[in-house]
């Protein structure tokens, strides 16, 4: 299951998420099994995030950083 605090931060919006990621780059993001169906994740920094079983169907991932994500 996804880390509820991290998931709540991402749901606040990509800009806030990316700001948080910039200042917490050592934190491994656990977004496993999260529901991102249809989410606007453009430009989101999801690098090294655990996304196993996350629903990314119809999500907009244009320019999202998925480097090292699983």
N, C-alpha and C. Protein backbone atom coordinates (compact mmCIF):
# COMPACT_ATOMS: atom_id res chain seq x y z
N UNK A 1 0.84 -1.19 0.00
CA UNK A 1 0.00 0.00 0.00
C UNK A 1 0.88 1.25 0.00
N UNK A 2 0.35 2.27 -0.61
CA UNK A 2 1.06 3.54 -0.72
C UNK A 2 1.22 4.20 0.65
N UNK A 3 2.28 4.97 0.78
CA UNK A 3 2.49 5.78 1.97
C UNK A 3 1.42 6.88 1.95
N UNK A 4 0.56 6.91 2.95
CA UNK A 4 -0.58 7.83 2.94
C UNK A 4 -0.15 9.30 2.97
N UNK A 5 0.92 9.62 3.66
CA UNK A 5 1.40 11.01 3.71
C UNK A 5 1.93 11.45 2.34
N UNK A 6 2.67 10.56 1.69
CA UNK A 6 3.19 10.90 0.37
C UNK A 6 2.07 11.01 -0.65
N UNK A 7 1.12 10.13 -0.59
CA UNK A 7 -0.02 10.16 -1.50
C UNK A 7 -0.82 11.45 -1.31
N UNK A 8 -1.03 11.84 -0.07
CA UNK A 8 -1.75 13.09 0.21
C UNK A 8 -1.00 14.28 -0.35
N UNK A 9 0.32 14.28 -0.25
CA UNK A 9 1.14 15.37 -0.78
C UNK A 9 0.98 15.45 -2.30
N UNK A 10 1.03 14.32 -2.98
CA UNK A 10 0.88 14.31 -4.43
C UNK A 10 -0.51 14.78 -4.86
N UNK A 11 -1.51 14.44 -4.08
CA UNK A 11 -2.87 14.86 -4.40
C UNK A 11 -3.09 16.36 -4.21
N UNK A 12 -2.16 17.03 -3.55
CA UNK A 12 -2.21 18.49 -3.40
C UNK A 12 -1.83 19.19 -4.71
N UNK A 13 -1.22 18.43 -5.60
CA UNK A 13 -0.85 18.98 -6.90
C UNK A 13 0.62 18.75 -7.21
N UNK A 14 0.92 18.71 -8.49
CA UNK A 14 2.27 18.41 -8.95
C UNK A 14 3.27 19.46 -8.49
N UNK A 15 2.89 20.72 -8.49
CA UNK A 15 3.82 21.77 -8.08
C UNK A 15 4.27 21.58 -6.63
N UNK A 16 3.33 21.33 -5.75
CA UNK A 16 3.67 21.10 -4.33
C UNK A 16 4.47 19.81 -4.18
N UNK A 17 4.05 18.78 -4.92
CA UNK A 17 4.78 17.51 -4.88
C UNK A 17 6.23 17.70 -5.30
N UNK A 18 6.46 18.35 -6.43
CA UNK A 18 7.82 18.55 -6.92
C UNK A 18 8.65 19.38 -5.95
N UNK A 19 8.04 20.36 -5.31
CA UNK A 19 8.75 21.16 -4.30
C UNK A 19 9.17 20.27 -3.13
N UNK A 20 8.23 19.44 -2.68
CA UNK A 20 8.53 18.52 -1.58
C UNK A 20 9.63 17.55 -1.98
N UNK A 21 9.55 17.00 -3.19
CA UNK A 21 10.57 16.05 -3.68
C UNK A 21 11.95 16.72 -3.75
N UNK A 22 11.98 17.97 -4.18
CA UNK A 22 13.25 18.69 -4.29
C UNK A 22 13.94 18.79 -2.93
N UNK A 23 13.15 18.96 -1.88
CA UNK A 23 13.71 19.11 -0.53
C UNK A 23 13.76 17.80 0.25
N UNK A 24 13.30 16.72 -0.36
CA UNK A 24 13.30 15.40 0.28
C UNK A 24 13.77 14.34 -0.70
N UNK A 25 14.80 14.65 -1.43
CA UNK A 25 15.24 13.78 -2.52
C UNK A 25 15.74 12.41 -2.06
N UNK A 26 16.13 12.29 -0.80
CA UNK A 26 16.63 11.00 -0.30
C UNK A 26 15.49 10.06 0.10
N UNK A 27 14.28 10.57 0.17
CA UNK A 27 13.13 9.76 0.58
C UNK A 27 12.69 8.88 -0.59
N UNK A 28 12.52 7.59 -0.32
CA UNK A 28 11.97 6.68 -1.33
C UNK A 28 10.46 6.83 -1.29
N UNK A 29 9.89 7.15 -2.43
CA UNK A 29 8.44 7.36 -2.50
C UNK A 29 7.72 6.05 -2.74
N UNK A 30 6.83 5.74 -1.84
CA UNK A 30 6.05 4.51 -1.91
C UNK A 30 4.63 4.84 -2.34
N UNK A 31 4.37 4.65 -3.62
CA UNK A 31 3.05 4.92 -4.19
C UNK A 31 2.42 3.63 -4.72
N UNK A 32 2.82 2.51 -4.15
CA UNK A 32 2.31 1.21 -4.58
C UNK A 32 0.80 1.12 -4.42
N UNK A 33 0.17 0.58 -5.45
CA UNK A 33 -1.27 0.30 -5.48
C UNK A 33 -2.14 1.56 -5.36
N UNK A 34 -1.56 2.73 -5.59
CA UNK A 34 -2.34 3.97 -5.54
C UNK A 34 -3.20 4.08 -6.80
N UNK A 35 -4.31 4.76 -6.67
CA UNK A 35 -5.21 4.96 -7.80
C UNK A 35 -4.96 6.34 -8.40
N UNK A 36 -4.31 6.36 -9.56
CA UNK A 36 -4.06 7.61 -10.28
C UNK A 36 -4.85 7.63 -11.58
N UNK A 37 -5.94 6.90 -11.64
CA UNK A 37 -6.74 6.84 -12.85
C UNK A 37 -7.13 8.25 -13.29
N UNK A 38 -6.74 8.64 -14.51
CA UNK A 38 -7.09 9.93 -15.07
C UNK A 38 -6.39 11.12 -14.44
N UNK A 39 -5.42 10.88 -13.58
CA UNK A 39 -4.74 11.98 -12.87
C UNK A 39 -3.86 12.80 -13.81
N UNK A 40 -3.75 14.07 -13.51
CA UNK A 40 -2.85 14.96 -14.22
C UNK A 40 -1.51 14.95 -13.49
N UNK A 41 -0.58 14.16 -14.00
CA UNK A 41 0.74 14.03 -13.39
C UNK A 41 1.83 14.62 -14.28
N UNK A 42 1.41 15.53 -15.17
CA UNK A 42 2.39 16.17 -16.05
C UNK A 42 3.48 16.82 -15.23
N UNK A 43 4.71 16.57 -15.60
CA UNK A 43 5.95 17.11 -15.00
C UNK A 43 6.20 16.62 -13.57
N UNK A 44 5.44 15.65 -13.08
CA UNK A 44 5.66 15.14 -11.72
C UNK A 44 7.00 14.42 -11.62
N UNK A 45 7.71 14.67 -10.54
CA UNK A 45 8.96 13.96 -10.28
C UNK A 45 8.62 12.67 -9.55
N UNK A 46 8.55 11.60 -10.30
CA UNK A 46 8.26 10.27 -9.74
C UNK A 46 9.50 9.39 -9.81
N UNK A 47 10.66 10.02 -9.89
CA UNK A 47 11.90 9.25 -10.01
C UNK A 47 12.08 8.35 -8.78
N UNK A 48 12.50 7.14 -9.04
CA UNK A 48 12.77 6.13 -8.01
C UNK A 48 11.55 5.76 -7.17
N UNK A 49 10.36 6.14 -7.60
CA UNK A 49 9.15 5.83 -6.83
C UNK A 49 8.75 4.37 -7.03
N UNK A 50 8.21 3.79 -5.98
CA UNK A 50 7.64 2.45 -6.05
C UNK A 50 6.20 2.60 -6.54
N UNK A 51 5.94 2.14 -7.76
CA UNK A 51 4.62 2.29 -8.39
C UNK A 51 3.97 0.94 -8.69
N UNK A 52 4.50 -0.13 -8.11
CA UNK A 52 3.97 -1.47 -8.36
C UNK A 52 2.47 -1.51 -8.08
N UNK A 53 1.72 -2.00 -9.03
CA UNK A 53 0.26 -2.15 -8.96
C UNK A 53 -0.50 -0.83 -8.87
N UNK A 54 0.17 0.29 -9.10
CA UNK A 54 -0.53 1.58 -9.14
C UNK A 54 -1.34 1.63 -10.43
N UNK A 55 -2.53 2.20 -10.36
CA UNK A 55 -3.38 2.35 -11.54
C UNK A 55 -3.07 3.69 -12.19
N UNK A 56 -2.35 3.65 -13.30
CA UNK A 56 -1.99 4.85 -14.04
C UNK A 56 -2.81 4.96 -15.33
N UNK A 57 -3.90 4.20 -15.41
CA UNK A 57 -4.75 4.23 -16.60
C UNK A 57 -5.26 5.63 -16.85
N UNK A 58 -5.13 6.08 -18.08
CA UNK A 58 -5.61 7.39 -18.54
C UNK A 58 -4.94 8.56 -17.81
N UNK A 59 -3.89 8.30 -17.05
CA UNK A 59 -3.17 9.39 -16.39
C UNK A 59 -2.31 10.13 -17.42
N UNK A 60 -2.18 11.43 -17.24
CA UNK A 60 -1.35 12.24 -18.12
C UNK A 60 0.04 12.32 -17.50
N UNK A 61 0.98 11.60 -18.11
CA UNK A 61 2.35 11.51 -17.60
C UNK A 61 3.34 12.26 -18.49
N UNK A 62 2.83 13.16 -19.33
CA UNK A 62 3.74 13.91 -20.21
C UNK A 62 4.77 14.67 -19.38
N UNK A 63 6.02 14.48 -19.74
CA UNK A 63 7.17 15.15 -19.11
C UNK A 63 7.37 14.75 -17.65
N UNK A 64 6.68 13.70 -17.18
CA UNK A 64 6.91 13.22 -15.83
C UNK A 64 8.26 12.52 -15.77
N UNK A 65 8.95 12.64 -14.66
CA UNK A 65 10.23 11.99 -14.46
C UNK A 65 9.98 10.63 -13.82
N UNK A 66 10.13 9.58 -14.61
CA UNK A 66 9.93 8.21 -14.12
C UNK A 66 11.24 7.44 -14.03
N UNK A 67 12.35 8.15 -14.09
CA UNK A 67 13.67 7.52 -14.05
C UNK A 67 13.83 6.69 -12.78
N UNK A 68 14.10 5.43 -12.94
CA UNK A 68 14.33 4.55 -11.81
C UNK A 68 13.07 4.08 -11.11
N UNK A 69 11.90 4.51 -11.56
CA UNK A 69 10.65 4.08 -10.93
C UNK A 69 10.36 2.63 -11.31
N UNK A 70 9.70 1.93 -10.43
CA UNK A 70 9.31 0.55 -10.75
C UNK A 70 7.81 0.39 -10.65
